[in-house]
C-alpha atoms as a PDB file:
ATOM      1  CA  MET A   1     175.252  21.352 149.893  1.00  0.00           C
ATOM      2  CA  SER A   2     178.471  21.675 148.705  1.00  0.00           C
ATOM      3  CA  PHE A   3     180.191  21.434 151.161  1.00  0.00           C
ATOM      4  CA  LEU A   4     178.575  18.062 151.829  1.00  0.00           C
ATOM      5  CA  ILE A   5     180.442  16.248 148.656  1.00  0.00           C
ATOM      6  CA  ASP A   6     183.629  18.406 150.309  1.00  0.00           C
ATOM      7  CA  ASN A   7     183.340  16.305 153.647  1.00  0.00           C
ATOM      8  CA  LYS A   8     183.070  13.046 152.919  1.00  0.00           C
ATOM      9  CA  LYS A   9     186.353  14.111 150.014  1.00  0.00           C
ATOM     10  CA  ASN A  10     187.613  15.183 153.034  1.00  0.00           C
ATOM     11  CA  PHE A  11     186.660  12.907 155.823  1.00  0.00           C
ATOM     12  CA  VAL A  12     189.242   9.822 154.871  1.00  0.00           C
ATOM     13  CA  LYS A  13     192.096  12.122 155.023  1.00  0.00           C
ATOM     14  CA  TYR A  14     190.823  14.180 157.925  1.00  0.00           C
ATOM     15  CA  PRO A  15     188.004  12.511 159.818  1.00  0.00           C
ATOM     16  CA  GLN A  16     188.326  13.938 163.221  1.00  0.00           C
ATOM     17  CA  LYS A  17     189.183  17.884 161.556  1.00  0.00           C
ATOM     18  CA  THR A  18     186.000  17.204 159.600  1.00  0.00           C
ATOM     19  CA  LYS A  19     183.250  16.433 161.761  1.00  0.00           C
ATOM     20  CA  TRP A  20     184.458  19.399 163.836  1.00  0.00           C
ATOM     21  CA  LEU A  21     183.472  21.782 160.821  1.00  0.00           C
ATOM     22  CA  PHE A  22     180.487  20.102 159.896  1.00  0.00           C
ATOM     23  CA  PHE A  23     179.444  20.422 163.483  1.00  0.00           C
ATOM     24  CA  LEU A  24     180.864  24.386 163.273  1.00  0.00           C
ATOM     25  CA  ARG A  25     179.146  24.470 160.011  1.00  0.00           C
ATOM     26  CA  SER A  26     175.545  22.923 161.281  1.00  0.00           C
ATOM     27  CA  LEU A  27     175.505  25.081 164.972  1.00  0.00           C
ATOM     28  CA  ASN A  28     175.783  28.443 161.993  1.00  0.00           C
ATOM     29  CA  LEU A  29     173.199  27.208 159.579  1.00  0.00           C
ATOM     30  CA  LYS A  30     171.590  27.150 162.645  1.00  0.00           C
ATOM     31  CA  ASN A  31     172.375  30.417 164.059  1.00  0.00           C
ATOM     32  CA  SER A  32     171.097  31.826 160.998  1.00  0.00           C
ATOM     33  CA  PHE A  33     168.338  30.921 160.663  1.00  0.00           C
ATOM     34  CA  SER A  34     167.082  31.752 164.027  1.00  0.00           C
ATOM     35  CA  ASN A  35     168.382  34.210 162.781  1.00  0.00           C
ATOM     36  CA  LEU A  36     166.461  35.254 160.789  1.00  0.00           C
ATOM     37  CA  ILE A  37     162.921  33.591 161.664  1.00  0.00           C
ATOM     38  CA  LEU A  38     163.929  36.658 165.077  1.00  0.00           C
ATOM     39  CA  LEU A  39     163.568  38.941 163.007  1.00  0.00           C
ATOM     40  CA  ASN A  40     160.813  37.959 161.223  1.00  0.00           C
END
């Protein structure tokens, strides 16, 4: 969860970029989570 803290730090400097990165990361987390479910 450390990336959440990093995002808060960078959010002021690069709002759009961090929003996009955060979105991509959450998508990756969801995908890996669903992959785990499919594998099980």
